[in-house]
Amino acid sequence: MVDAQTEILASLGLRCRVLEMPTTDLGASAARKIDIEAFFPSRAAAGLHGGWGEVTSASLCTDYQTRRLATRLRGARDGAKLAYPWTVNGTALAVPRVLAAILENGWDEAQMAVTIPECLRPWMDGKEKIEVQHRRD
């Protein structure tokens, strides 16, 4: 899952880093959690977390979720025994955060435009950039 998540972020032209979260930062359901952060120029300029911000994560939840759902599975080795299977939980992308990262990283101040990641251009009528119009009050 982490490879798929980082591949998506890379295809969007975003620099990212993968962090193994310490057990003190885990919620009740996760036995292990990996956060993936993207670089945000505005955060870097403000001196926040070196510019990095979480855009997705993946967690190993062991049997926490299946116990709460009372979901059991008959084992392949012991066909008579029911057990709670382990689950994983992952967000492909936290869309608002990723969109913010795309806008910030693709911003061209001189042209007042945002560069559209190449993989999204087929859905943007082939446009490479979107110009920002200023309102004058």
N, C-alpha and C. Protein backbone atom coordinates (compact mmCIF):
# COMPACT_ATOMS: atom_id res chain seq x y z
N MET A 1 0.82 -1.20 0.00
CA MET A 1 0.00 0.00 0.00
C MET A 1 0.86 1.25 0.00
N VAL A 2 1.92 1.24 0.77
CA VAL A 2 2.80 2.41 0.83
C VAL A 2 3.44 2.66 -0.53
N ASP A 3 3.85 1.60 -1.21
CA ASP A 3 4.43 1.78 -2.55
C ASP A 3 3.41 2.42 -3.50
N ALA A 4 2.17 1.97 -3.45
CA ALA A 4 1.13 2.55 -4.31
C ALA A 4 0.91 4.01 -3.98
N GLN A 5 0.87 4.34 -2.70
CA GLN A 5 0.67 5.72 -2.29
C GLN A 5 1.81 6.62 -2.74
N THR A 6 3.04 6.19 -2.55
CA THR A 6 4.18 7.02 -2.96
C THR A 6 4.27 7.11 -4.48
N GLU A 7 3.85 6.08 -5.19
CA GLU A 7 3.84 6.12 -6.65
C GLU A 7 2.83 7.16 -7.15
N ILE A 8 1.67 7.22 -6.52
CA ILE A 8 0.66 8.21 -6.90
C ILE A 8 1.20 9.62 -6.66
N LEU A 9 1.78 9.84 -5.49
CA LEU A 9 2.31 11.16 -5.17
C LEU A 9 3.43 11.56 -6.13
N ALA A 10 4.31 10.62 -6.45
CA ALA A 10 5.40 10.90 -7.39
C ALA A 10 4.85 11.23 -8.78
N SER A 11 3.80 10.53 -9.20
CA SER A 11 3.22 10.80 -10.52
C SER A 11 2.61 12.20 -10.57
N LEU A 12 2.24 12.73 -9.41
CA LEU A 12 1.70 14.09 -9.33
C LEU A 12 2.81 15.13 -9.21
N GLY A 13 4.06 14.67 -9.23
CA GLY A 13 5.20 15.57 -9.17
C GLY A 13 5.50 16.08 -7.77
N LEU A 14 5.02 15.38 -6.76
CA LEU A 14 5.23 15.82 -5.39
C LEU A 14 6.40 15.08 -4.75
N ARG A 15 7.24 15.84 -4.06
CA ARG A 15 8.30 15.23 -3.25
C ARG A 15 7.63 14.72 -1.98
N CYS A 16 7.97 13.51 -1.59
CA CYS A 16 7.37 13.01 -0.36
C CYS A 16 8.40 12.23 0.44
N ARG A 17 8.06 12.03 1.71
CA ARG A 17 8.90 11.22 2.57
C ARG A 17 7.99 10.29 3.36
N VAL A 18 8.54 9.14 3.73
CA VAL A 18 7.80 8.10 4.43
C VAL A 18 8.32 8.02 5.86
N LEU A 19 7.41 8.09 6.81
CA LEU A 19 7.78 8.08 8.23
C LEU A 19 7.11 6.91 8.95
N GLU A 20 7.89 6.16 9.68
CA GLU A 20 7.36 5.12 10.57
C GLU A 20 7.02 5.84 11.87
N MET A 21 5.75 5.80 12.25
CA MET A 21 5.31 6.55 13.42
C MET A 21 5.64 5.81 14.72
N PRO A 22 6.06 6.54 15.74
CA PRO A 22 6.35 5.89 17.02
C PRO A 22 5.05 5.41 17.67
N THR A 23 5.16 4.41 18.52
CA THR A 23 3.97 3.83 19.15
C THR A 23 3.20 4.86 19.97
N THR A 24 3.86 5.88 20.46
CA THR A 24 3.17 6.91 21.25
C THR A 24 2.24 7.77 20.40
N ASP A 25 2.40 7.72 19.07
CA ASP A 25 1.55 8.50 18.16
C ASP A 25 0.45 7.67 17.51
N LEU A 26 0.29 6.43 17.91
CA LEU A 26 -0.70 5.56 17.30
C LEU A 26 -2.05 5.69 17.98
N GLY A 27 -3.12 5.57 17.19
CA GLY A 27 -4.46 5.53 17.74
C GLY A 27 -4.76 4.13 18.28
N ALA A 28 -5.94 3.97 18.81
CA ALA A 28 -6.31 2.70 19.43
C ALA A 28 -6.29 1.54 18.44
N SER A 29 -6.63 1.79 17.19
CA SER A 29 -6.77 0.68 16.24
C SER A 29 -5.46 0.23 15.61
N ALA A 30 -4.42 1.07 15.61
CA ALA A 30 -3.21 0.76 14.86
C ALA A 30 -2.12 0.14 15.73
N ALA A 31 -1.56 -0.94 15.24
CA ALA A 31 -0.38 -1.53 15.87
C ALA A 31 0.89 -0.97 15.23
N ARG A 32 0.75 -0.49 14.00
CA ARG A 32 1.85 0.10 13.25
C ARG A 32 1.25 1.10 12.28
N LYS A 33 1.91 2.24 12.11
CA LYS A 33 1.39 3.27 11.21
C LYS A 33 2.54 3.93 10.47
N ILE A 34 2.32 4.14 9.20
CA ILE A 34 3.27 4.84 8.35
C ILE A 34 2.57 6.07 7.80
N ASP A 35 3.17 7.23 8.02
CA ASP A 35 2.66 8.48 7.44
C ASP A 35 3.50 8.83 6.23
N ILE A 36 2.85 9.37 5.23
CA ILE A 36 3.56 9.86 4.06
C ILE A 36 3.28 11.36 3.99
N GLU A 37 4.36 12.12 3.94
CA GLU A 37 4.25 13.57 3.92
C GLU A 37 4.74 14.12 2.58
N ALA A 38 4.10 15.20 2.15
CA ALA A 38 4.51 15.92 0.95
C ALA A 38 5.13 17.24 1.38
N PHE A 39 5.95 17.80 0.50
CA PHE A 39 6.58 19.09 0.78
C PHE A 39 5.63 20.21 0.39
N PHE A 40 5.46 21.18 1.30
CA PHE A 40 4.63 22.37 1.07
C PHE A 40 5.52 23.61 1.18
N PRO A 41 5.72 24.34 0.09
CA PRO A 41 6.56 25.54 0.16
C PRO A 41 6.10 26.56 1.20
N SER A 42 4.78 26.71 1.40
CA SER A 42 4.30 27.69 2.38
C SER A 42 4.69 27.30 3.80
N ARG A 43 4.68 26.02 4.09
CA ARG A 43 5.10 25.56 5.42
C ARG A 43 6.59 25.78 5.61
N ALA A 44 7.35 25.54 4.56
CA ALA A 44 8.80 25.76 4.65
C ALA A 44 9.08 27.24 4.90
N ALA A 45 8.38 28.12 4.19
CA ALA A 45 8.58 29.56 4.35
C ALA A 45 8.20 30.03 5.76
N ALA A 46 7.21 29.36 6.35
CA ALA A 46 6.77 29.73 7.70
C ALA A 46 7.59 29.02 8.78
N GLY A 47 8.52 28.16 8.36
CA GLY A 47 9.34 27.43 9.31
C GLY A 47 8.60 26.31 10.04
N LEU A 48 7.56 25.78 9.41
CA LEU A 48 6.76 24.72 10.03
C LEU A 48 7.20 23.34 9.57
N HIS A 49 7.68 22.54 10.46
CA HIS A 49 8.01 21.13 10.22
C HIS A 49 8.90 20.93 9.00
N GLY A 50 9.76 21.89 8.73
CA GLY A 50 10.66 21.78 7.59
C GLY A 50 9.94 21.81 6.26
N GLY A 51 8.66 22.19 6.27
CA GLY A 51 7.88 22.26 5.04
C GLY A 51 7.05 21.02 4.77
N TRP A 52 7.16 20.02 5.61
CA TRP A 52 6.47 18.75 5.36
C TRP A 52 5.11 18.69 6.04
N GLY A 53 4.15 18.04 5.36
CA GLY A 53 2.82 17.85 5.93
C GLY A 53 2.23 16.53 5.47
N GLU A 54 1.53 15.86 6.36
CA GLU A 54 0.96 14.54 6.05
C GLU A 54 -0.12 14.65 4.97
N VAL A 55 -0.04 13.75 3.99
CA VAL A 55 -1.06 13.69 2.94
C VAL A 55 -1.73 12.32 2.85
N THR A 56 -1.13 11.32 3.49
CA THR A 56 -1.73 9.99 3.49
C THR A 56 -1.04 9.13 4.54
N SER A 57 -1.65 8.00 4.86
CA SER A 57 -1.05 7.09 5.82
C SER A 57 -1.51 5.67 5.54
N ALA A 58 -0.85 4.73 6.19
CA ALA A 58 -1.23 3.32 6.11
C ALA A 58 -1.01 2.71 7.49
N SER A 59 -1.96 1.90 7.94
CA SER A 59 -1.88 1.32 9.28
C SER A 59 -2.13 -0.17 9.25
N LEU A 60 -1.43 -0.88 10.12
CA LEU A 60 -1.69 -2.29 10.39
C LEU A 60 -2.54 -2.30 11.66
N CYS A 61 -3.73 -2.83 11.56
CA CYS A 61 -4.68 -2.75 12.68
C CYS A 61 -4.84 -4.07 13.43
N THR A 62 -4.04 -5.07 13.14
CA THR A 62 -4.17 -6.42 13.68
C THR A 62 -5.66 -6.79 13.66
N ASP A 63 -6.19 -7.34 14.75
CA ASP A 63 -7.60 -7.77 14.72
C ASP A 63 -8.54 -6.77 15.41
N TYR A 64 -8.06 -5.56 15.65
CA TYR A 64 -8.87 -4.55 16.35
C TYR A 64 -10.20 -4.29 15.64
N GLN A 65 -10.16 -4.03 14.34
CA GLN A 65 -11.38 -3.69 13.61
C GLN A 65 -12.31 -4.90 13.47
N THR A 66 -11.75 -6.07 13.20
CA THR A 66 -12.62 -7.24 13.00
C THR A 66 -13.26 -7.69 14.31
N ARG A 67 -12.61 -7.49 15.43
CA ARG A 67 -13.25 -7.79 16.72
C ARG A 67 -14.43 -6.86 16.96
N ARG A 68 -14.25 -5.59 16.67
CA ARG A 68 -15.35 -4.62 16.86
C ARG A 68 -16.51 -4.90 15.92
N LEU A 69 -16.21 -5.41 14.74
CA LEU A 69 -17.26 -5.74 13.77
C LEU A 69 -17.78 -7.17 13.93
N ALA A 70 -17.16 -7.93 14.81
CA ALA A 70 -17.49 -9.35 15.00
C ALA A 70 -17.40 -10.11 13.68
N THR A 71 -16.32 -9.84 12.96
CA THR A 71 -16.07 -10.50 11.68
C THR A 71 -15.01 -11.57 11.88
N ARG A 72 -15.37 -12.80 11.60
CA ARG A 72 -14.41 -13.89 11.77
C ARG A 72 -14.26 -14.63 10.46
N LEU A 73 -13.18 -15.38 10.38
CA LEU A 73 -12.82 -16.10 9.17
C LEU A 73 -12.42 -17.52 9.54
N ARG A 74 -12.89 -18.45 8.77
CA ARG A 74 -12.51 -19.84 9.00
C ARG A 74 -11.13 -20.04 8.40
N GLY A 75 -10.19 -20.50 9.20
CA GLY A 75 -8.80 -20.64 8.78
C GLY A 75 -8.59 -21.69 7.71
N ALA A 76 -7.63 -21.45 6.84
CA ALA A 76 -7.32 -22.39 5.75
C ALA A 76 -6.65 -23.65 6.29
N ARG A 77 -5.83 -23.50 7.33
CA ARG A 77 -5.11 -24.65 7.89
C ARG A 77 -6.00 -25.49 8.79
N ASP A 78 -6.82 -24.82 9.56
CA ASP A 78 -7.71 -25.50 10.48
C ASP A 78 -9.13 -25.07 10.12
N GLY A 79 -9.74 -25.75 9.17
CA GLY A 79 -11.04 -25.37 8.62
C GLY A 79 -12.15 -25.24 9.65
N ALA A 80 -11.99 -25.82 10.81
CA ALA A 80 -13.04 -25.76 11.81
C ALA A 80 -12.92 -24.54 12.72
N LYS A 81 -11.74 -23.95 12.79
CA LYS A 81 -11.50 -22.87 13.74
C LYS A 81 -11.80 -21.50 13.12
N LEU A 82 -12.61 -20.71 13.84
CA LEU A 82 -12.88 -19.34 13.43
C LEU A 82 -11.91 -18.40 14.15
N ALA A 83 -11.42 -17.42 13.42
CA ALA A 83 -10.48 -16.46 14.02
C ALA A 83 -10.78 -15.08 13.48
N TYR A 84 -10.32 -14.07 14.20
CA TYR A 84 -10.46 -12.69 13.75
C TYR A 84 -9.28 -12.37 12.83
N PRO A 85 -9.55 -12.06 11.56
CA PRO A 85 -8.43 -11.73 10.67
C PRO A 85 -7.88 -10.34 10.97
N TRP A 86 -6.64 -10.12 10.57
CA TRP A 86 -6.01 -8.81 10.71
C TRP A 86 -6.44 -7.94 9.53
N THR A 87 -6.45 -6.65 9.76
CA THR A 87 -6.79 -5.71 8.69
C THR A 87 -5.69 -4.66 8.55
N VAL A 88 -5.68 -4.07 7.38
CA VAL A 88 -4.83 -2.90 7.12
C VAL A 88 -5.76 -1.77 6.71
N ASN A 89 -5.32 -0.57 6.93
CA ASN A 89 -6.13 0.60 6.64
C ASN A 89 -5.23 1.61 5.94
N GLY A 90 -5.66 2.07 4.80
CA GLY A 90 -4.85 3.04 4.09
C GLY A 90 -5.69 4.00 3.28
N THR A 91 -5.28 5.24 3.25
CA THR A 91 -5.91 6.27 2.45
C THR A 91 -5.04 6.46 1.23
N ALA A 92 -5.60 6.28 0.06
CA ALA A 92 -4.79 6.50 -1.14
C ALA A 92 -4.26 7.93 -1.14
N LEU A 93 -5.17 8.88 -0.95
CA LEU A 93 -4.80 10.30 -0.90
C LEU A 93 -5.82 11.04 -0.06
N ALA A 94 -5.37 11.93 0.78
CA ALA A 94 -6.26 12.88 1.43
C ALA A 94 -6.43 14.02 0.43
N VAL A 95 -7.49 13.98 -0.34
CA VAL A 95 -7.63 14.83 -1.53
C VAL A 95 -7.40 16.32 -1.25
N PRO A 96 -8.02 16.94 -0.23
CA PRO A 96 -7.76 18.38 -0.04
C PRO A 96 -6.29 18.69 0.22
N ARG A 97 -5.62 17.85 0.98
CA ARG A 97 -4.20 18.09 1.28
C ARG A 97 -3.34 17.93 0.05
N VAL A 98 -3.63 16.90 -0.74
CA VAL A 98 -2.85 16.67 -1.96
C VAL A 98 -3.10 17.79 -2.97
N LEU A 99 -4.34 18.23 -3.06
CA LEU A 99 -4.65 19.34 -3.96
C LEU A 99 -3.89 20.60 -3.53
N ALA A 100 -3.83 20.86 -2.23
CA ALA A 100 -3.06 22.01 -1.74
C ALA A 100 -1.59 21.87 -2.09
N ALA A 101 -1.05 20.66 -1.95
CA ALA A 101 0.37 20.44 -2.29
C ALA A 101 0.61 20.64 -3.78
N ILE A 102 -0.30 20.18 -4.62
CA ILE A 102 -0.17 20.37 -6.07
C ILE A 102 -0.20 21.86 -6.40
N LEU A 103 -1.14 22.58 -5.81
CA LEU A 103 -1.24 24.02 -6.07
C LEU A 103 0.01 24.77 -5.62
N GLU A 104 0.50 24.44 -4.43
CA GLU A 104 1.70 25.13 -3.92
C GLU A 104 2.95 24.80 -4.72
N ASN A 105 3.14 23.52 -5.00
CA ASN A 105 4.36 23.10 -5.71
C ASN A 105 4.33 23.48 -7.18
N GLY A 106 3.14 23.62 -7.75
CA GLY A 106 3.04 23.96 -9.16
C GLY A 106 2.91 25.45 -9.43
N TRP A 107 2.93 26.26 -8.37
CA TRP A 107 2.72 27.69 -8.53
C TRP A 107 3.90 28.39 -9.19
N ASP A 108 3.60 29.18 -10.19
CA ASP A 108 4.60 30.01 -10.88
C ASP A 108 4.20 31.46 -10.67
N GLU A 109 4.90 32.13 -9.77
CA GLU A 109 4.57 33.51 -9.40
C GLU A 109 4.69 34.46 -10.59
N ALA A 110 5.70 34.27 -11.41
CA ALA A 110 5.92 35.17 -12.55
C ALA A 110 4.76 35.11 -13.54
N GLN A 111 4.23 33.92 -13.78
CA GLN A 111 3.14 33.76 -14.74
C GLN A 111 1.77 33.79 -14.07
N MET A 112 1.75 33.82 -12.73
CA MET A 112 0.50 33.76 -11.98
C MET A 112 -0.34 32.57 -12.46
N ALA A 113 0.32 31.41 -12.46
CA ALA A 113 -0.32 30.19 -12.98
C ALA A 113 0.15 28.98 -12.18
N VAL A 114 -0.64 27.94 -12.25
CA VAL A 114 -0.32 26.66 -11.61
C VAL A 114 -0.07 25.64 -12.71
N THR A 115 1.06 24.95 -12.63
CA THR A 115 1.36 23.89 -13.59
C THR A 115 0.56 22.65 -13.19
N ILE A 116 -0.13 22.08 -14.15
CA ILE A 116 -0.92 20.87 -13.92
C ILE A 116 -0.01 19.66 -14.07
N PRO A 117 -0.01 18.74 -13.11
CA PRO A 117 0.81 17.53 -13.27
C PRO A 117 0.44 16.80 -14.56
N GLU A 118 1.44 16.29 -15.22
CA GLU A 118 1.25 15.66 -16.52
C GLU A 118 0.19 14.57 -16.51
N CYS A 119 0.15 13.77 -15.44
CA CYS A 119 -0.81 12.67 -15.39
C CYS A 119 -2.26 13.15 -15.28
N LEU A 120 -2.49 14.41 -14.92
CA LEU A 120 -3.85 14.95 -14.81
C LEU A 120 -4.30 15.71 -16.06
N ARG A 121 -3.37 15.99 -16.95
CA ARG A 121 -3.68 16.81 -18.12
C ARG A 121 -4.75 16.23 -19.03
N PRO A 122 -4.84 14.90 -19.20
CA PRO A 122 -5.92 14.39 -20.04
C PRO A 122 -7.32 14.77 -19.53
N TRP A 123 -7.44 15.02 -18.22
CA TRP A 123 -8.74 15.39 -17.65
C TRP A 123 -8.90 16.90 -17.54
N MET A 124 -7.89 17.61 -18.01
CA MET A 124 -7.90 19.09 -17.98
C MET A 124 -7.83 19.63 -19.41
N ASP A 125 -8.42 18.89 -20.35
CA ASP A 125 -8.42 19.28 -21.77
C ASP A 125 -7.02 19.54 -22.30
N GLY A 126 -6.04 18.81 -21.76
CA GLY A 126 -4.67 18.92 -22.23
C GLY A 126 -3.93 20.17 -21.75
N LYS A 127 -4.56 20.99 -20.91
CA LYS A 127 -3.90 22.21 -20.43
C LYS A 127 -2.69 21.86 -19.58
N GLU A 128 -1.64 22.65 -19.77
CA GLU A 128 -0.43 22.48 -18.97
C GLU A 128 -0.42 23.39 -17.77
N LYS A 129 -1.11 24.51 -17.88
CA LYS A 129 -1.15 25.49 -16.79
C LYS A 129 -2.56 26.06 -16.68
N ILE A 130 -2.87 26.51 -15.48
CA ILE A 130 -4.10 27.25 -15.24
C ILE A 130 -3.69 28.62 -14.70
N GLU A 131 -4.10 29.64 -15.42
CA GLU A 131 -3.77 31.00 -14.99
C GLU A 131 -4.79 31.46 -13.95
N VAL A 132 -4.30 32.21 -12.99
CA VAL A 132 -5.15 32.73 -11.92
C VAL A 132 -5.50 34.17 -12.25
N GLN A 133 -6.78 34.43 -12.27
CA GLN A 133 -7.24 35.78 -12.53
C GLN A 133 -7.40 36.54 -11.22
N HIS A 134 -6.89 37.75 -11.17
CA HIS A 134 -7.00 38.58 -9.98
C HIS A 134 -8.27 39.42 -10.07
N ARG A 135 -8.97 39.46 -8.96
CA ARG A 135 -10.12 40.37 -8.87
C ARG A 135 -9.62 41.71 -8.38
N ARG A 136 -10.11 42.72 -8.99
CA ARG A 136 -9.75 44.07 -8.54
C ARG A 136 -11.02 44.71 -7.99
N ASP A 137 -11.01 44.97 -6.71
CA ASP A 137 -12.18 45.56 -6.06
C ASP A 137 -12.17 47.06 -6.12
